[in-house]
Each structure stands twice: as structure tokens, then as C-alpha cells.
N, C-alpha and C. Protein backbone atom coordinates (compact mmCIF):
# COMPACT_ATOMS: atom_id res chain seq x y z
N MET A 1 -5.58 -3.79 16.32
CA MET A 1 -6.67 -4.89 15.87
C MET A 1 -6.95 -4.72 14.61
N ALA A 2 -6.75 -5.66 13.71
CA ALA A 2 -7.02 -5.74 12.33
C ALA A 2 -8.63 -5.82 12.04
N VAL A 3 -9.15 -4.71 11.13
CA VAL A 3 -10.46 -4.85 10.75
C VAL A 3 -10.85 -4.94 9.34
N SER A 4 -12.05 -5.54 9.15
CA SER A 4 -12.59 -5.60 7.76
C SER A 4 -13.45 -4.62 7.43
N VAL A 5 -13.37 -3.55 6.75
CA VAL A 5 -14.26 -2.53 6.61
C VAL A 5 -14.41 -2.16 5.21
N GLY A 6 -14.33 -3.16 4.38
CA GLY A 6 -14.33 -2.91 3.09
C GLY A 6 -13.09 -3.15 2.10
N ASN A 7 -11.95 -3.49 2.94
CA ASN A 7 -10.66 -3.79 2.30
C ASN A 7 -10.77 -5.18 2.11
N VAL A 8 -9.89 -5.67 1.21
CA VAL A 8 -9.70 -6.93 0.66
C VAL A 8 -8.27 -7.32 0.41
N HIS A 9 -7.68 -8.36 0.89
CA HIS A 9 -6.34 -8.77 0.64
C HIS A 9 -6.23 -8.93 -0.89
N LEU A 10 -5.04 -8.48 -1.45
CA LEU A 10 -4.38 -8.97 -2.75
C LEU A 10 -5.25 -8.15 -3.85
N GLN A 11 -5.99 -7.19 -3.16
CA GLN A 11 -6.79 -6.32 -4.28
C GLN A 11 -5.79 -5.55 -5.28
N THR A 12 -5.81 -5.56 -6.51
CA THR A 12 -4.93 -4.92 -7.47
C THR A 12 -5.42 -3.69 -8.10
N SER A 13 -6.65 -3.37 -7.72
CA SER A 13 -7.13 -2.21 -8.38
C SER A 13 -8.12 -1.54 -7.28
N HIS A 14 -8.32 -0.11 -7.43
CA HIS A 14 -9.14 0.59 -6.15
C HIS A 14 -10.60 0.06 -6.36
N GLY A 15 -10.95 -0.50 -5.07
CA GLY A 15 -12.30 -0.88 -5.05
C GLY A 15 -13.30 0.29 -4.46
N ALA A 16 -14.25 -0.20 -4.03
CA ALA A 16 -15.44 0.79 -3.57
C ALA A 16 -14.95 1.66 -2.29
N GLY A 17 -13.84 1.14 -1.71
CA GLY A 17 -13.43 1.98 -0.62
C GLY A 17 -13.67 1.46 0.72
N LEU A 18 -13.33 2.08 1.89
CA LEU A 18 -13.66 1.58 3.15
C LEU A 18 -15.01 2.13 3.58
N ASP A 19 -15.55 1.48 4.45
CA ASP A 19 -16.78 1.75 5.08
C ASP A 19 -16.34 2.53 6.36
N MET A 20 -16.30 4.00 6.13
CA MET A 20 -15.62 4.77 7.34
C MET A 20 -16.60 5.15 8.34
N ALA A 21 -17.75 4.88 8.23
CA ALA A 21 -19.01 4.67 9.46
C ALA A 21 -18.58 3.71 10.15
N ARG A 22 -18.44 2.36 9.42
CA ARG A 22 -18.17 1.12 10.36
C ARG A 22 -16.78 1.35 11.03
N LEU A 23 -15.74 1.89 10.38
CA LEU A 23 -14.45 2.07 11.01
C LEU A 23 -14.64 2.88 12.33
N ARG A 24 -15.34 4.01 12.16
CA ARG A 24 -15.64 4.98 13.35
C ARG A 24 -16.35 4.07 14.47
N ALA A 25 -17.30 3.35 13.81
CA ALA A 25 -18.11 2.57 15.05
C ALA A 25 -17.23 1.73 15.82
N ILE A 26 -16.32 0.86 15.04
CA ILE A 26 -15.45 0.10 15.69
C ILE A 26 -14.36 0.79 16.65
N ALA A 27 -13.89 1.96 16.17
CA ALA A 27 -13.01 2.80 16.76
C ALA A 27 -13.61 3.15 18.23
N ALA A 28 -15.09 3.69 18.17
CA ALA A 28 -15.61 4.18 19.32
C ALA A 28 -15.87 2.99 20.41
N VAL A 29 -15.71 1.71 20.18
CA VAL A 29 -15.83 0.95 21.32
C VAL A 29 -14.54 0.26 21.64
N THR A 30 -13.45 0.59 21.08
CA THR A 30 -12.13 -0.08 21.60
C THR A 30 -11.07 0.98 21.60
N ALA A 31 -10.21 0.94 22.55
CA ALA A 31 -9.18 1.85 22.54
C ALA A 31 -7.77 1.27 21.80
N LEU A 32 -8.03 0.16 21.14
CA LEU A 32 -6.85 -0.62 20.64
C LEU A 32 -6.69 0.17 19.19
N PRO A 33 -5.39 0.16 18.89
CA PRO A 33 -5.05 0.74 17.63
C PRO A 33 -5.56 -0.21 16.40
N LEU A 34 -6.14 0.45 15.34
CA LEU A 34 -6.64 -0.36 14.40
C LEU A 34 -5.64 -0.67 13.16
N VAL A 35 -5.70 -1.71 12.60
CA VAL A 35 -4.95 -2.07 11.31
C VAL A 35 -5.80 -2.36 10.23
N ILE A 36 -5.33 -1.75 9.01
CA ILE A 36 -6.21 -2.07 7.58
C ILE A 36 -5.37 -3.09 6.90
N HIS A 37 -5.64 -4.35 6.94
CA HIS A 37 -4.98 -5.36 6.01
C HIS A 37 -5.63 -5.11 4.72
N GLY A 38 -4.90 -5.36 3.47
CA GLY A 38 -5.60 -5.27 2.31
C GLY A 38 -5.60 -3.77 1.92
N GLY A 39 -4.80 -2.85 2.25
CA GLY A 39 -4.83 -1.56 2.08
C GLY A 39 -4.52 -1.12 0.62
N SER A 40 -3.84 -2.11 -0.21
CA SER A 40 -3.56 -1.69 -1.51
C SER A 40 -4.80 -1.22 -2.41
N GLY A 41 -6.10 -1.77 -2.11
CA GLY A 41 -7.04 -1.32 -2.89
C GLY A 41 -7.86 -0.08 -2.36
N VAL A 42 -7.28 0.44 -1.33
CA VAL A 42 -7.98 1.68 -0.64
C VAL A 42 -7.72 2.84 -1.36
N PRO A 43 -8.75 3.69 -1.91
CA PRO A 43 -8.50 4.93 -2.80
C PRO A 43 -7.63 5.77 -1.92
N PRO A 44 -6.77 6.58 -2.65
CA PRO A 44 -5.83 7.44 -2.03
C PRO A 44 -6.44 8.45 -1.14
N GLU A 45 -7.63 9.09 -1.37
CA GLU A 45 -8.14 10.00 -0.56
C GLU A 45 -8.65 9.37 0.73
N GLN A 46 -9.01 8.24 0.62
CA GLN A 46 -9.59 7.55 1.91
C GLN A 46 -8.25 7.22 2.90
N ARG A 47 -7.12 6.81 2.16
CA ARG A 47 -5.91 6.59 2.90
C ARG A 47 -5.44 7.94 3.59
N ALA A 48 -5.63 8.91 2.96
CA ALA A 48 -5.40 10.44 3.67
C ALA A 48 -6.28 10.49 4.82
N ALA A 49 -7.49 10.21 4.66
CA ALA A 49 -8.57 10.32 5.88
C ALA A 49 -8.41 9.65 6.89
N LEU A 50 -7.53 8.47 6.87
CA LEU A 50 -7.13 7.65 7.85
C LEU A 50 -6.25 8.02 9.02
N ALA A 51 -5.60 9.23 8.69
CA ALA A 51 -4.93 9.95 9.56
C ALA A 51 -5.61 10.63 10.66
N ALA A 52 -6.96 10.72 10.60
CA ALA A 52 -7.80 11.31 11.74
C ALA A 52 -8.48 10.21 12.54
N THR A 53 -8.08 9.07 12.22
CA THR A 53 -8.75 7.75 12.71
C THR A 53 -7.76 7.12 13.67
N SER A 54 -8.18 6.13 14.48
CA SER A 54 -7.21 5.29 15.30
C SER A 54 -6.54 4.19 14.46
N VAL A 55 -6.56 4.18 13.09
CA VAL A 55 -5.74 3.37 12.23
C VAL A 55 -4.29 3.78 12.40
N CYS A 56 -3.48 2.82 12.80
CA CYS A 56 -1.97 2.96 13.02
C CYS A 56 -1.11 2.41 11.88
N LYS A 57 -1.80 1.47 11.00
CA LYS A 57 -1.12 0.71 10.21
C LYS A 57 -1.81 0.33 8.93
N ILE A 58 -1.47 0.43 7.79
CA ILE A 58 -2.27 0.33 6.61
C ILE A 58 -1.26 -0.69 5.68
N ASN A 59 -1.65 -1.91 5.29
CA ASN A 59 -0.74 -2.84 4.62
C ASN A 59 -0.73 -2.62 3.12
N ILE A 60 0.30 -2.16 2.52
CA ILE A 60 0.22 -2.14 1.06
C ILE A 60 1.13 -3.15 0.17
N GLY A 61 1.46 -4.14 0.84
CA GLY A 61 2.14 -5.30 0.16
C GLY A 61 1.89 -5.49 -1.19
N THR A 62 0.54 -5.81 -1.63
CA THR A 62 0.16 -6.15 -2.79
C THR A 62 0.50 -4.98 -3.78
N GLU A 63 0.45 -3.70 -3.42
CA GLU A 63 0.66 -2.56 -4.29
C GLU A 63 2.23 -2.41 -4.57
N LEU A 64 2.93 -2.64 -3.47
CA LEU A 64 4.51 -2.83 -3.82
C LEU A 64 5.09 -3.93 -4.65
N ARG A 65 4.30 -5.20 -4.56
CA ARG A 65 4.67 -6.20 -5.27
C ARG A 65 4.32 -5.97 -6.66
N MET A 66 3.26 -5.41 -6.96
CA MET A 66 2.82 -5.05 -8.26
C MET A 66 3.73 -4.10 -9.11
N ALA A 67 4.33 -3.14 -8.21
CA ALA A 67 5.34 -2.29 -8.74
C ALA A 67 6.65 -2.95 -9.21
N PHE A 68 7.12 -3.99 -8.19
CA PHE A 68 8.29 -4.79 -8.28
C PHE A 68 7.88 -5.76 -9.57
N GLY A 69 6.92 -6.38 -9.75
CA GLY A 69 6.69 -7.21 -10.87
C GLY A 69 6.62 -6.53 -12.27
N ALA A 70 5.97 -5.38 -12.21
CA ALA A 70 6.07 -4.52 -13.38
C ALA A 70 7.41 -4.11 -13.75
N ALA A 71 8.38 -3.63 -12.87
CA ALA A 71 9.66 -3.33 -13.02
C ALA A 71 10.53 -4.47 -13.32
N LEU A 72 10.18 -5.55 -12.88
CA LEU A 72 11.08 -6.87 -13.17
C LEU A 72 10.80 -7.24 -14.52
N ARG A 73 9.49 -7.04 -15.08
CA ARG A 73 9.25 -7.47 -16.39
C ARG A 73 9.78 -6.63 -17.43
N ARG A 74 9.86 -5.37 -17.15
CA ARG A 74 10.44 -4.38 -17.91
C ARG A 74 11.95 -4.52 -18.12
N ALA A 75 12.80 -4.96 -16.79
CA ALA A 75 14.04 -5.05 -16.83
C ALA A 75 14.39 -6.11 -17.74
N LEU A 76 13.61 -7.39 -17.58
CA LEU A 76 13.98 -8.70 -18.31
C LEU A 76 13.59 -8.31 -19.97
N ALA A 77 12.73 -7.45 -20.25
CA ALA A 77 12.37 -7.30 -21.69
C ALA A 77 13.40 -6.30 -22.22
N CYS A 78 14.09 -5.43 -21.38
CA CYS A 78 14.75 -4.40 -22.17
C CYS A 78 16.18 -4.89 -22.56
N ASP A 79 16.72 -5.84 -21.90
CA ASP A 79 17.98 -6.43 -22.31
C ASP A 79 17.92 -7.96 -22.04
N ARG A 80 17.57 -8.63 -23.03
CA ARG A 80 17.50 -10.22 -22.82
C ARG A 80 18.97 -10.75 -22.75
N GLU A 81 20.05 -10.11 -22.89
CA GLU A 81 21.31 -10.74 -22.54
C GLU A 81 21.75 -10.61 -21.11
N VAL A 82 21.17 -9.62 -20.44
CA VAL A 82 21.70 -9.62 -19.06
C VAL A 82 21.16 -10.83 -18.28
N PHE A 83 22.19 -11.46 -17.48
CA PHE A 83 21.91 -12.69 -16.75
C PHE A 83 22.13 -12.54 -15.14
N ASP A 84 22.82 -11.55 -15.01
CA ASP A 84 23.17 -11.31 -13.44
C ASP A 84 22.03 -10.68 -12.68
N ARG A 85 21.57 -11.63 -11.69
CA ARG A 85 20.49 -11.24 -10.99
C ARG A 85 20.71 -9.78 -10.16
N VAL A 86 21.81 -9.47 -9.75
CA VAL A 86 21.95 -8.10 -9.07
C VAL A 86 21.89 -6.94 -10.25
N ALA A 87 22.15 -7.14 -11.23
CA ALA A 87 21.82 -6.24 -12.58
C ALA A 87 20.39 -6.16 -12.80
N ILE A 88 19.72 -7.25 -12.73
CA ILE A 88 18.40 -7.26 -13.12
C ILE A 88 17.61 -6.70 -11.91
N LEU A 89 17.81 -7.20 -10.67
CA LEU A 89 16.95 -6.77 -9.57
C LEU A 89 17.33 -5.34 -9.36
N SER A 90 18.69 -4.94 -9.63
CA SER A 90 18.73 -3.37 -9.23
C SER A 90 17.87 -2.43 -9.99
N ARG A 91 17.25 -2.80 -11.28
CA ARG A 91 16.46 -2.19 -12.00
C ARG A 91 14.96 -1.96 -11.37
N THR A 92 14.66 -2.92 -10.16
CA THR A 92 13.24 -2.84 -9.53
C THR A 92 13.40 -2.02 -8.30
N HIS A 93 14.67 -1.37 -7.88
CA HIS A 93 14.63 -0.83 -6.78
C HIS A 93 13.95 0.50 -6.93
N ASP A 94 14.28 1.58 -7.88
CA ASP A 94 13.54 2.73 -8.02
C ASP A 94 12.21 2.76 -8.08
N PRO A 95 11.63 1.91 -8.84
CA PRO A 95 10.11 1.90 -8.94
C PRO A 95 9.49 1.37 -7.78
N VAL A 96 10.05 0.50 -7.00
CA VAL A 96 9.24 0.19 -5.71
C VAL A 96 9.58 1.39 -4.69
N PHE A 97 10.68 1.83 -4.76
CA PHE A 97 10.84 2.97 -3.73
C PHE A 97 10.00 4.08 -4.24
N ASP A 98 9.62 4.37 -5.43
CA ASP A 98 8.75 5.57 -5.74
C ASP A 98 7.42 5.28 -5.31
N ALA A 99 6.90 3.93 -5.56
CA ALA A 99 5.64 3.32 -5.16
C ALA A 99 5.40 3.61 -3.60
N ALA A 100 6.39 3.24 -2.76
CA ALA A 100 6.25 3.26 -1.30
C ALA A 100 6.25 4.85 -0.93
N ARG A 101 7.13 5.71 -1.67
CA ARG A 101 7.18 7.22 -1.48
C ARG A 101 5.74 7.84 -1.63
N ALA A 102 5.20 7.49 -2.74
CA ALA A 102 3.88 7.79 -3.14
C ALA A 102 2.69 7.54 -2.16
N VAL A 103 2.79 6.34 -1.65
CA VAL A 103 1.88 5.90 -0.42
C VAL A 103 2.16 6.76 0.88
N ILE A 104 3.28 7.00 0.95
CA ILE A 104 3.62 7.44 2.30
C ILE A 104 3.29 9.07 2.38
N ARG A 105 3.62 9.52 1.12
CA ARG A 105 3.27 11.13 0.91
C ARG A 105 1.62 11.21 1.01
N GLY A 106 1.00 10.17 0.22
CA GLY A 106 -0.43 10.40 0.25
C GLY A 106 -1.20 10.27 1.64
N LEU A 107 -0.29 9.62 2.67
CA LEU A 107 -0.78 9.25 3.71
C LEU A 107 -0.56 10.72 4.77
N GLY A 108 0.19 11.53 4.02
CA GLY A 108 0.55 12.84 4.90
C GLY A 108 1.71 12.31 5.79
N ALA A 109 2.35 11.19 5.76
CA ALA A 109 3.38 10.85 6.86
C ALA A 109 4.77 11.18 6.27
N SER A 110 4.92 11.93 5.21
CA SER A 110 6.44 12.33 4.63
C SER A 110 6.87 13.47 5.64
N GLY A 111 8.05 13.09 6.19
CA GLY A 111 8.76 13.94 7.12
C GLY A 111 8.22 13.92 8.61
N ARG A 112 7.50 13.02 8.82
CA ARG A 112 6.97 12.96 10.15
C ARG A 112 7.83 11.99 10.87
N ALA A 113 8.03 12.21 12.14
CA ALA A 113 9.00 11.19 13.06
C ALA A 113 8.10 10.29 13.76
């Protein structure tokens, strides 16, 4: 079940964070796994704390799209003669991969099955 506890869709910077007391209150009255939509604005220390809750999914699409957009702008600016989309887009892979890896590690999920 997706809940709104201080999270906001399309947040591009860290906000005030989640209302953890409200999250615990919701978790106490349902057996459903919880989802945090708008997780890109959740501070990293709160993301790590979610491992001890019934939150089973946190969406970070905005954060990854921001990494992609920044990498794409850098790729286009560094060589204005390159026109092949594969060459241009290949320069976005590592920055997006690194951003995703940082989030996964921050959640304490690295190496877990």
C-alpha cells in the first residue's frame, strides 16, 4: 500500500523527511507491505531506517532521471561533433548505475538476496 508520510513525487532535493511516527502508526494497523512513492527526496539516513519497517519498496525514479539528465548534458557538451545516439547515451550508463548503487548501498541492501 502506497502511503504519504512526508514524501513528495518529483522531489529534486532532500526535504524535511518522512514522518516516521505516522509511518509506524499506519504499519500498526495493516499487515500490508508499504510503499514510499516519491522516495527521491527522502534523506539517506531515513532511507536506511526504513529497513526496520514494513516498507518493502521505495521509488527513486526522479533521482535516477536527474543523474541521467546531468550525464546526458555533460555528454552533449563534451563533444559537440558526436551525433550517434548509442555513443551519446552510453556515456549516461555509469552515472545512472552509480546513483542506483549508492541508493541500494544506502538502504543496506547491497549483497542481499
